[in-house]
Amino acid sequence: MNGTANRSTLSITLPASLTLDEARKVMGRLGDEIRRLGTDSPANSRVDCVVDASSLEHFDSSALAILIECHRIAARRPGGGGLRIESAPQALKELARLYGLTELAGLSR
């Protein structure tokens, strides 16, 4: 046994539209999914969460607020695990830059 934790990954997909109108519903769903991560995994495993933003077409600053809260929830999970955002549209990256949030899980890439 090498003492390292097992790792697994769960992917969560953002919806096509993520504005203030959808924020509460989407945050509830994403928060629940992130909190459930690893609840059925062995105690020594680490579960990382990947947020797939490739479907995101219509959004406002609520999308950034939701991603920040997802990071907070992921950081509080037992056993930790990371959260990263993949396939973010350029406009979301630009919005993050305007708000000074480019380091948010790889949005600077």
Foldseek 3Di string as FASTA:
>chain_A
DPPAAAEEEDEAEDAQAEEPVCLVVRLVVLLVVLQCPPPPPDLRHAYAYEYEDQNHHHYDCSVVVSLVVSQVSQCPHRNHYYYAYPNHDLVVLVNCVVVVNNVSRNSVD
